[in-house]
């Protein structure tokens, strides 16, 4: 028998080995494809079927969920009044309370914005997302659409503050 390119390609595709390794395996197994695969497996060139099916190709779904939750839990929701911190909780606690106590939490957020509490999402020491700044920006846009002269006045006032 002789070695054909088809046999080498078959061994290469099944065992994920080089041409040279496939050729040597075929020669050592008297040109039998099955025996060549067994030869490669015995010489640790390919993993056996039982261990290959157990090795994960990437992180499992549970590991991905845990990684996501740890990233979300690292973000803090902070409410401050002047220089005093009133609330400092992880984002996961904020989201869970929002899910179960939606009307109550939304009412507290609106009242906090009205009464001058400063709300912030802190991702790291350098990344801060000010809820009040987003609220003020949105409120300014709404006012400028409702009354264009009001929008111009508030822009002038904000320029004077700078």
Protein backbone atom coordinates (compact mmCIF):
# COMPACT_ATOMS: atom_id res chain seq x y z
CA UNK A 1 0.00 0.00 0.00
CA UNK A 2 1.01 3.60 -0.42
CA UNK A 3 0.41 6.86 1.34
CA UNK A 4 -2.05 9.08 -0.48
CA UNK A 5 -2.76 12.72 0.08
CA UNK A 6 -6.36 11.82 0.95
CA UNK A 7 -5.21 9.57 3.80
CA UNK A 8 -2.87 12.26 5.13
CA UNK A 9 -5.65 14.89 4.92
CA UNK A 10 -8.02 12.55 6.74
CA UNK A 11 -5.52 12.03 9.57
CA UNK A 12 -4.70 15.73 9.70
CA UNK A 13 -8.36 16.76 9.91
CA UNK A 14 -9.25 14.15 12.53
CA UNK A 15 -6.17 14.52 14.73
CA UNK A 16 -5.17 18.12 14.05
CA UNK A 17 -1.53 17.19 13.37
CA UNK A 18 1.05 18.27 10.79
CA UNK A 19 1.65 16.51 7.45
CA UNK A 20 4.83 14.97 8.80
CA UNK A 21 3.12 13.58 11.91
CA UNK A 22 0.26 12.19 9.78
CA UNK A 23 2.76 10.53 7.39
CA UNK A 24 4.76 8.99 10.24
CA UNK A 25 1.56 7.72 11.88
CA UNK A 26 0.41 6.10 8.63
CA UNK A 27 3.81 4.46 8.09
CA UNK A 28 3.89 3.13 11.66
CA UNK A 29 0.38 1.67 11.29
CA UNK A 30 0.92 -0.02 7.90
CA UNK A 31 -1.16 2.68 6.11
CA UNK A 32 -4.34 1.97 8.08
CA UNK A 33 -6.14 5.22 9.00
CA UNK A 34 -7.75 3.89 12.17
CA UNK A 35 -4.49 2.42 13.42
CA UNK A 36 -2.75 5.72 12.60
CA UNK A 37 -5.25 7.63 14.76
CA UNK A 38 -4.75 5.13 17.59
CA UNK A 39 -0.97 5.50 17.23
CA UNK A 40 -1.25 9.31 17.49
CA UNK A 41 -3.53 9.00 20.50
CA UNK A 42 -1.16 6.62 22.30
CA UNK A 43 1.79 8.93 21.63
CA UNK A 44 -0.14 11.91 23.08
CA UNK A 45 -0.36 13.69 19.74
CA UNK A 46 -4.14 13.91 20.13
CA UNK A 47 -6.35 13.69 23.18
CA UNK A 48 -8.50 10.62 23.68
CA UNK A 49 -12.21 10.96 22.95
CA UNK A 50 -13.25 10.71 26.58
CA UNK A 51 -11.03 13.55 27.81
CA UNK A 52 -11.63 15.68 24.71
CA UNK A 53 -15.38 15.87 25.30
CA UNK A 54 -14.90 16.98 28.92
CA UNK A 55 -12.54 19.88 28.24
CA UNK A 56 -14.49 23.10 27.88
CA UNK A 57 -13.87 25.34 24.90
CA UNK A 58 -14.33 28.46 27.01
CA UNK A 59 -15.78 29.66 30.28
CA UNK A 60 -19.08 28.05 31.19
CA UNK A 61 -22.30 30.00 31.34
CA UNK A 62 -22.18 30.01 35.14
CA UNK A 63 -18.64 31.43 35.12
CA UNK A 64 -19.70 34.14 32.67
CA UNK A 65 -22.67 35.06 34.90
CA UNK A 66 -20.40 35.19 37.98
CA UNK A 67 -17.90 37.42 36.16
CA UNK A 68 -20.68 39.75 35.00
CA UNK A 69 -22.20 39.95 38.48
CA UNK A 70 -18.84 40.75 40.07
CA UNK A 71 -18.33 43.60 37.57
CA UNK A 72 -21.83 44.96 38.28
CA UNK A 73 -21.35 44.54 42.03
CA UNK A 74 -18.15 46.61 41.87
CA UNK A 75 -20.15 49.65 40.65
CA UNK A 76 -21.52 51.72 43.53
CA UNK A 77 -24.66 53.87 43.73
CA UNK A 78 -23.95 56.83 46.00
CA UNK A 79 -26.37 59.48 47.24
CA UNK A 80 -24.89 62.55 48.94
CA UNK A 81 -26.30 65.69 50.52
CA UNK A 82 -23.68 68.43 50.62
CA UNK A 83 -20.62 66.55 51.88
CA UNK A 84 -22.43 63.75 53.76
CA UNK A 85 -22.93 60.33 52.17
CA UNK A 86 -26.51 59.20 52.72
CA UNK A 87 -26.47 55.96 50.70
CA UNK A 88 -23.54 53.93 49.36
CA UNK A 89 -24.68 50.55 47.98
CA UNK A 90 -23.53 48.18 45.22
CA UNK A 91 -25.36 48.44 41.92
CA UNK A 92 -26.70 44.89 42.30
CA UNK A 93 -28.56 45.89 45.49
CA UNK A 94 -29.90 48.99 43.72
CA UNK A 95 -31.14 46.93 40.75
CA UNK A 96 -32.80 44.31 42.99
CA UNK A 97 -34.55 46.99 45.04
CA UNK A 98 -35.61 48.70 41.81
CA UNK A 99 -37.12 45.44 40.55
CA UNK A 100 -39.08 44.67 43.71
CA UNK A 101 -39.88 48.21 44.91
CA UNK A 102 -40.08 50.08 41.61
CA UNK A 103 -42.65 52.78 42.49
CA UNK A 104 -41.02 53.48 45.87
CA UNK A 105 -37.46 53.69 44.47
CA UNK A 106 -38.45 55.88 41.52
CA UNK A 107 -40.34 58.21 43.87
CA UNK A 108 -37.27 58.47 46.12
CA UNK A 109 -35.03 59.22 43.15
CA UNK A 110 -37.33 61.98 41.91
CA UNK A 111 -37.65 63.47 45.40
CA UNK A 112 -33.89 63.28 45.84
CA UNK A 113 -33.34 65.17 42.59
CA UNK A 114 -35.90 67.80 43.58
CA UNK A 115 -34.43 68.32 47.07
CA UNK A 116 -30.83 68.61 45.86
CA UNK A 117 -29.36 65.23 46.68
CA UNK A 118 -26.41 64.36 44.48
CA UNK A 119 -26.69 60.86 42.93
CA UNK A 120 -23.69 59.18 41.36
CA UNK A 121 -22.75 55.81 39.88
CA UNK A 122 -19.07 55.16 40.65
CA UNK A 123 -17.36 52.54 38.50
CA UNK A 124 -13.82 53.32 39.58
CA UNK A 125 -11.93 56.24 41.06
CA UNK A 126 -11.75 57.87 37.63
CA UNK A 127 -15.16 56.89 36.22
CA UNK A 128 -18.16 58.63 37.74
CA UNK A 129 -21.60 59.04 36.21
CA UNK A 130 -23.51 61.92 37.74
CA UNK A 131 -27.27 61.31 37.68
CA UNK A 132 -27.91 64.97 38.47
CA UNK A 133 -25.86 66.14 35.48
CA UNK A 134 -27.80 63.79 33.17
CA UNK A 135 -31.08 64.96 34.70
CA UNK A 136 -30.11 68.65 34.34
CA UNK A 137 -29.04 68.13 30.73
CA UNK A 138 -32.33 66.39 29.87
CA UNK A 139 -34.34 69.02 31.73
CA UNK A 140 -32.51 71.78 29.82
CA UNK A 141 -33.30 70.11 26.48
CA UNK A 142 -36.98 69.75 27.39
CA UNK A 143 -37.20 73.38 28.51
CA UNK A 144 -35.56 74.60 25.30
CA UNK A 145 -38.10 72.68 23.21
CA UNK A 146 -41.06 73.93 25.23
CA UNK A 147 -39.89 77.54 25.48
CA UNK A 148 -36.92 78.44 23.24
CA UNK A 149 -36.28 81.69 25.13
CA UNK A 150 -36.05 79.75 28.41
CA UNK A 151 -33.38 77.48 26.93
CA UNK A 152 -31.29 80.47 25.86
CA UNK A 153 -31.58 82.07 29.31
CA UNK A 154 -30.49 78.93 31.11
CA UNK A 155 -27.51 78.63 28.75
CA UNK A 156 -26.50 82.19 29.59
CA UNK A 157 -26.84 81.48 33.31
CA UNK A 158 -24.69 78.35 33.05
CA UNK A 159 -22.02 80.33 31.12
CA UNK A 160 -22.00 82.98 33.86
CA UNK A 161 -21.40 80.29 36.52
CA UNK A 162 -18.26 79.13 34.72
